PDB file of N, CA and C in Angstrom:
ATOM      1  N   MET A   1     -19.524   4.561 -13.251  1.00  0.00           N
ATOM      2  CA  MET A   1     -18.389   3.662 -13.158  1.00  0.00           C
ATOM      3  C   MET A   1     -18.050   2.945 -11.728  1.00  0.00           C
ATOM      4  N   ASN A   2     -17.836   2.068 -11.605  1.00  0.00           N
ATOM      5  CA  ASN A   2     -17.940   1.681 -10.075  1.00  0.00           C
ATOM      6  C   ASN A   2     -16.290   0.895  -9.506  1.00  0.00           C
ATOM      7  N   ASP A   3     -15.579   2.035  -8.569  1.00  0.00           N
ATOM      8  CA  ASP A   3     -14.351   1.971  -8.424  1.00  0.00           C
ATOM      9  C   ASP A   3     -14.032   0.951  -7.075  1.00  0.00           C
ATOM     10  N   GLU A   4     -15.502  -0.177  -6.840  1.00  0.00           N
ATOM     11  CA  GLU A   4     -15.185  -0.821  -5.621  1.00  0.00           C
ATOM     12  C   GLU A   4     -13.901  -1.977  -5.869  1.00  0.00           C
ATOM     13  N   ILE A   5     -13.168  -2.217  -4.871  1.00  0.00           N
ATOM     14  CA  ILE A   5     -12.361  -2.733  -4.865  1.00  0.00           C
ATOM     15  C   ILE A   5     -12.579  -4.398  -4.273  1.00  0.00           C
ATOM     16  N   LEU A   6     -12.272  -5.409  -4.881  1.00  0.00           N
ATOM     17  CA  LEU A   6     -12.389  -6.921  -4.787  1.00  0.00           C
ATOM     18  C   LEU A   6     -11.592  -7.687  -4.221  1.00  0.00           C
ATOM     19  N   THR A   7     -11.717  -8.627  -3.562  1.00  0.00           N
ATOM     20  CA  THR A   7     -10.698  -9.480  -2.940  1.00  0.00           C
ATOM     21  C   THR A   7     -11.129 -10.997  -4.337  1.00  0.00           C
ATOM     22  N   ILE A   8      -9.874 -11.903  -4.061  1.00  0.00           N
ATOM     23  CA  ILE A   8     -10.363 -12.868  -4.813  1.00  0.00           C
ATOM     24  C   ILE A   8     -11.452 -13.769  -4.419  1.00  0.00           C
ATOM     25  N   LYS A   9     -11.582 -13.843  -3.005  1.00  0.00           N
ATOM     26  CA  LYS A   9     -12.815 -14.641  -2.870  1.00  0.00           C
ATOM     27  C   LYS A   9     -14.494 -13.899  -3.643  1.00  0.00           C
ATOM     28  N   GLN A  10     -14.040 -12.456  -3.350  1.00  0.00           N
ATOM     29  CA  GLN A  10     -15.317 -12.207  -4.050  1.00  0.00           C
ATOM     30  C   GLN A  10     -15.226 -11.994  -5.674  1.00  0.00           C
ATOM     31  N   VAL A  11     -14.305 -11.731  -6.138  1.00  0.00           N
ATOM     32  CA  VAL A  11     -14.294 -12.292  -7.703  1.00  0.00           C
ATOM     33  C   VAL A  11     -14.670 -13.696  -7.848  1.00  0.00           C
ATOM     34  N   ALA A  12     -14.402 -14.392  -7.227  1.00  0.00           N
ATOM     35  CA  ALA A  12     -14.765 -15.790  -7.497  1.00  0.00           C
ATOM     36  C   ALA A  12     -15.885 -16.097  -7.129  1.00  0.00           C
ATOM     37  N   GLU A  13     -16.401 -15.665  -6.023  1.00  0.00           N
ATOM     38  CA  GLU A  13     -18.166 -15.525  -6.012  1.00  0.00           C
ATOM     39  C   GLU A  13     -18.693 -15.255  -7.290  1.00  0.00           C
ATOM     40  N   TYR A  14     -18.760 -13.925  -7.594  1.00  0.00           N
ATOM     41  CA  TYR A  14     -19.088 -13.106  -8.720  1.00  0.00           C
ATOM     42  C   TYR A  14     -19.007 -13.790 -10.030  1.00  0.00           C
ATOM     43  N   LEU A  15     -17.725 -14.369 -10.248  1.00  0.00           N
ATOM     44  CA  LEU A  15     -17.592 -15.274 -11.564  1.00  0.00           C
ATOM     45  C   LEU A  15     -18.178 -16.829 -11.445  1.00  0.00           C
ATOM     46  N   LYS A  16     -18.493 -16.951 -10.348  1.00  0.00           N
ATOM     47  CA  LYS A  16     -18.884 -18.543  -9.952  1.00  0.00           C
ATOM     48  C   LYS A  16     -17.740 -19.516 -10.481  1.00  0.00           C
ATOM     49  N   VAL A  17     -16.632 -19.090  -9.864  1.00  0.00           N
ATOM     50  CA  VAL A  17     -15.593 -20.204  -9.878  1.00  0.00           C
ATOM     51  C   VAL A  17     -14.571 -20.570  -9.186  1.00  0.00           C
ATOM     52  N   ASN A  18     -13.844 -21.038  -8.616  1.00  0.00           N
ATOM     53  CA  ASN A  18     -12.861 -21.585  -7.602  1.00  0.00           C
ATOM     54  C   ASN A  18     -12.067 -20.249  -7.440  1.00  0.00           C
ATOM     55  N   GLU A  19     -11.597 -20.203  -6.297  1.00  0.00           N
ATOM     56  CA  GLU A  19     -10.946 -19.180  -6.042  1.00  0.00           C
ATOM     57  C   GLU A  19      -9.380 -19.496  -6.498  1.00  0.00           C
ATOM     58  N   ARG A  20      -9.288 -20.257  -6.442  1.00  0.00           N
ATOM     59  CA  ARG A  20      -7.706 -21.114  -7.119  1.00  0.00           C
ATOM     60  C   ARG A  20      -7.805 -20.688  -8.901  1.00  0.00           C
ATOM     61  N   THR A  21      -9.138 -20.665  -9.306  1.00  0.00           N
ATOM     62  CA  THR A  21      -9.177 -20.283 -10.666  1.00  0.00           C
ATOM     63  C   THR A  21      -8.679 -18.602 -10.913  1.00  0.00           C
ATOM     64  N   ILE A  22      -9.211 -17.993  -9.975  1.00  0.00           N
ATOM     65  CA  ILE A  22      -8.748 -16.528 -10.159  1.00  0.00           C
ATOM     66  C   ILE A  22      -7.486 -16.310  -9.889  1.00  0.00           C
ATOM     67  N   TYR A  23      -6.920 -16.709  -8.921  1.00  0.00           N
ATOM     68  CA  TYR A  23      -5.488 -16.582  -8.245  1.00  0.00           C
ATOM     69  C   TYR A  23      -4.264 -17.088  -9.812  1.00  0.00           C
ATOM     70  N   LYS A  24      -4.893 -18.311 -10.619  1.00  0.00           N
ATOM     71  CA  LYS A  24      -4.310 -18.541 -11.709  1.00  0.00           C
ATOM     72  C   LYS A  24      -4.020 -17.314 -12.994  1.00  0.00           C
ATOM     73  N   LEU A  25      -5.607 -17.028 -12.939  1.00  0.00           N
ATOM     74  CA  LEU A  25      -5.375 -16.026 -14.259  1.00  0.00           C
ATOM     75  C   LEU A  25      -5.032 -14.742 -13.456  1.00  0.00           C
ATOM     76  N   ALA A  26      -4.910 -14.254 -12.560  1.00  0.00           N
ATOM     77  CA  ALA A  26      -4.428 -13.139 -11.786  1.00  0.00           C
ATOM     78  C   ALA A  26      -2.509 -13.221 -12.164  1.00  0.00           C
ATOM     79  N   SER A  27      -2.545 -14.388 -11.540  1.00  0.00           N
ATOM     80  CA  SER A  27      -1.072 -14.419 -11.680  1.00  0.00           C
ATOM     81  C   SER A  27      -0.471 -14.698 -13.288  1.00  0.00           C
ATOM     82  N   ASP A  28      -1.411 -15.171 -14.189  1.00  0.00           N
ATOM     83  CA  ASP A  28      -0.767 -15.350 -15.431  1.00  0.00           C
ATOM     84  C   ASP A  28      -1.136 -13.962 -16.318  1.00  0.00           C
ATOM     85  N   GLU A  29      -1.849 -13.031 -15.680  1.00  0.00           N
ATOM     86  CA  GLU A  29      -2.294 -11.627 -16.255  1.00  0.00           C
ATOM     87  C   GLU A  29      -3.082 -11.994 -17.437  1.00  0.00           C
ATOM     88  N   LYS A  30      -4.259 -13.020 -16.923  1.00  0.00           N
ATOM     89  CA  LYS A  30      -5.315 -13.156 -17.932  1.00  0.00           C
ATOM     90  C   LYS A  30      -6.399 -12.371 -17.561  1.00  0.00           C
ATOM     91  N   ILE A  31      -6.626 -11.434 -16.201  1.00  0.00           N
ATOM     92  CA  ILE A  31      -7.401 -10.711 -15.737  1.00  0.00           C
ATOM     93  C   ILE A  31      -7.009  -9.591 -15.005  1.00  0.00           C
ATOM     94  N   PRO A  32      -7.605  -8.507 -14.892  1.00  0.00           N
ATOM     95  CA  PRO A  32      -7.223  -7.187 -14.757  1.00  0.00           C
ATOM     96  C   PRO A  32      -6.815  -7.265 -13.161  1.00  0.00           C
ATOM     97  N   ALA A  33      -5.631  -7.264 -12.549  1.00  0.00           N
ATOM     98  CA  ALA A  33      -5.582  -7.263 -11.158  1.00  0.00           C
ATOM     99  C   ALA A  33      -4.318  -6.799 -10.714  1.00  0.00           C
ATOM    100  N   PHE A  34      -4.158  -6.124  -9.620  1.00  0.00           N
ATOM    101  CA  PHE A  34      -3.162  -5.901  -8.886  1.00  0.00           C
ATOM    102  C   PHE A  34      -2.952  -6.020  -7.639  1.00  0.00           C
ATOM    103  N   LYS A  35      -1.662  -6.270  -6.783  1.00  0.00           N
ATOM    104  CA  LYS A  35      -1.221  -6.580  -5.494  1.00  0.00           C
ATOM    105  C   LYS A  35      -1.158  -5.535  -4.756  1.00  0.00           C
ATOM    106  N   VAL A  36      -1.666  -5.896  -3.319  1.00  0.00           N
ATOM    107  CA  VAL A  36      -1.727  -4.806  -2.280  1.00  0.00           C
ATOM    108  C   VAL A  36      -0.897  -5.528  -1.203  1.00  0.00           C
ATOM    109  N   GLY A  37       0.043  -5.402  -0.938  1.00  0.00           N
ATOM    110  CA  GLY A  37       0.811  -6.250   0.070  1.00  0.00           C
ATOM    111  C   GLY A  37       1.198  -7.166  -0.185  1.00  0.00           C
ATOM    112  N   GLY A  38       0.906  -8.678  -0.407  1.00  0.00           N
ATOM    113  CA  GLY A  38       1.055  -9.864  -1.011  1.00  0.00           C
ATOM    114  C   GLY A  38      -0.483 -10.267  -1.762  1.00  0.00           C
ATOM    115  N   SER A  39      -1.288  -9.382  -1.367  1.00  0.00           N
ATOM    116  CA  SER A  39      -2.717  -9.890  -1.586  1.00  0.00           C
ATOM    117  C   SER A  39      -3.281  -9.266  -3.213  1.00  0.00           C
ATOM    118  N   TRP A  40      -3.905 -10.272  -4.012  1.00  0.00           N
ATOM    119  CA  TRP A  40      -4.262  -9.544  -5.034  1.00  0.00           C
ATOM    120  C   TRP A  40      -5.740  -8.910  -4.767  1.00  0.00           C
ATOM    121  N   ARG A  41      -5.829  -7.659  -5.686  1.00  0.00           N
ATOM    122  CA  ARG A  41      -7.009  -7.250  -5.799  1.00  0.00           C
ATOM    123  C   ARG A  41      -7.662  -6.558  -7.183  1.00  0.00           C
ATOM    124  N   PHE A  42      -8.583  -6.548  -7.232  1.00  0.00           N
ATOM    125  CA  PHE A  42      -9.508  -6.384  -8.358  1.00  0.00           C
ATOM    126  C   PHE A  42     -10.403  -5.349  -8.072  1.00  0.00           C
ATOM    127  N   GLN A  43     -10.466  -4.174  -9.516  1.00  0.00           N
ATOM    128  CA  GLN A  43     -11.293  -3.266  -9.632  1.00  0.00           C
ATOM    129  C   GLN A  43     -12.510  -3.634  -9.976  1.00  0.00           C
ATOM    130  N   ARG A  44     -13.647  -3.852  -9.504  1.00  0.00           N
ATOM    131  CA  ARG A  44     -15.025  -4.075  -9.910  1.00  0.00           C
ATOM    132  C   ARG A  44     -15.150  -3.615 -11.282  1.00  0.00           C
ATOM    133  N   SER A  45     -15.167  -2.524 -11.863  1.00  0.00           N
ATOM    134  CA  SER A  45     -15.119  -1.800 -12.961  1.00  0.00           C
ATOM    135  C   SER A  45     -14.117  -2.437 -14.196  1.00  0.00           C
ATOM    136  N   ALA A  46     -13.114  -2.996 -14.033  1.00  0.00           N
ATOM    137  CA  ALA A  46     -12.053  -3.788 -14.929  1.00  0.00           C
ATOM    138  C   ALA A  46     -12.745  -5.086 -15.127  1.00  0.00           C
ATOM    139  N   ILE A  47     -13.337  -5.582 -14.355  1.00  0.00           N
ATOM    140  CA  ILE A  47     -13.628  -6.948 -14.104  1.00  0.00           C
ATOM    141  C   ILE A  47     -14.844  -7.191 -15.029  1.00  0.00           C
ATOM    142  N   GLU A  48     -15.825  -6.117 -14.623  1.00  0.00           N
ATOM    143  CA  GLU A  48     -17.124  -6.226 -15.580  1.00  0.00           C
ATOM    144  C   GLU A  48     -16.711  -5.586 -17.298  1.00  0.00           C
ATOM    145  N   GLU A  49     -15.493  -4.780 -17.324  1.00  0.00           N
ATOM    146  CA  GLU A  49     -15.271  -4.513 -18.959  1.00  0.00           C
ATOM    147  C   GLU A  49     -13.936  -6.139 -19.131  1.00  0.00           C
ATOM    148  N   TRP A  50     -13.608  -6.353 -18.528  1.00  0.00           N
ATOM    149  CA  TRP A  50     -12.823  -7.933 -18.760  1.00  0.00           C
ATOM    150  C   TRP A  50     -14.196  -9.000 -19.794  1.00  0.00           C
ATOM    151  N   ILE A  51     -15.061  -9.056 -18.551  1.00  0.00           N
ATOM    152  CA  ILE A  51     -16.219  -9.964 -18.776  1.00  0.00           C
ATOM    153  C   ILE A  51     -16.516  -9.745 -20.268  1.00  0.00           C
ATOM    154  N   GLU A  52     -17.089  -8.352 -20.550  1.00  0.00           N
ATOM    155  CA  GLU A  52     -17.451  -7.568 -22.101  1.00  0.00           C
ATOM    156  C   GLU A  52     -16.841  -8.208 -22.843  1.00  0.00           C
ATOM    157  N   GLN A  53     -15.319  -7.932 -22.577  1.00  0.00           N
ATOM    158  CA  GLN A  53     -14.329  -8.517 -23.476  1.00  0.00           C
ATOM    159  C   GLN A  53     -14.450  -9.975 -23.794  1.00  0.00           C
ATOM    160  N   GLN A  54     -14.635 -10.972 -22.846  1.00  0.00           N
ATOM    161  CA  GLN A  54     -14.628 -12.172 -22.838  1.00  0.00           C
ATOM    162  C   GLN A  54     -15.471 -12.771 -23.805  1.00  0.00           C
ATOM    163  N   THR A  55     -16.768 -12.347 -23.523  1.00  0.00           N
ATOM    164  CA  THR A  55     -17.945 -12.606 -24.293  1.00  0.00           C
ATOM    165  C   THR A  55     -18.637 -11.709 -25.248  1.00  0.00           C
ATOM    166  N   GLY A  56     -17.571 -10.823 -25.921  1.00  0.00           N
ATOM    167  CA  GLY A  56     -17.424 -10.245 -27.314  1.00  0.00           C
ATOM    168  C   GLY A  56     -18.401  -8.955 -27.246  1.00  0.00           C
ATOM    169  N   ARG A  57     -18.934  -8.936 -26.315  1.00  0.00           N
ATOM    170  CA  ARG A  57     -19.839  -7.630 -26.201  1.00  0.00           C
ATOM    171  C   ARG A  57     -19.324  -6.300 -25.849  1.00  0.00           C
ATOM    172  N   THR A  58     -19.810  -5.192 -26.353  1.00  0.00           N
ATOM    173  CA  THR A  58     -19.106  -4.240 -25.784  1.00  0.00           C
ATOM    174  C   THR A  58     -20.167  -3.399 -25.026  1.00  0.00           C
ATOM    175  N   ALA A  59     -19.996  -2.208 -24.267  1.00  0.00           N
ATOM    176  CA  ALA A  59     -20.478  -1.656 -23.029  1.00  0.00           C
ATOM    177  C   ALA A  59     -21.518  -0.836 -23.477  1.00  0.00           C
ATOM    178  N   SER A  60     -22.940  -0.826 -23.059  1.00  0.00           N
ATOM    179  CA  SER A  60     -23.933  -0.236 -23.541  1.00  0.00           C
ATOM    180  C   SER A  60     -23.822   1.196 -22.525  1.00  0.00           C
TER     181      SER A  60
END
């Protein structure tokens, strides 16, 4: 399990989408995220799990 913490910019690069898209998903609670100070943060393992759920695959 990877407990690396990512920023909006890092998640956007990882998912190959605009930073605004990640901000909206986080604000709408559609992607696993939490705030530190006023900034969104993401646990890499939670993002990877979320991706699997979006694609309908299970972890192997």
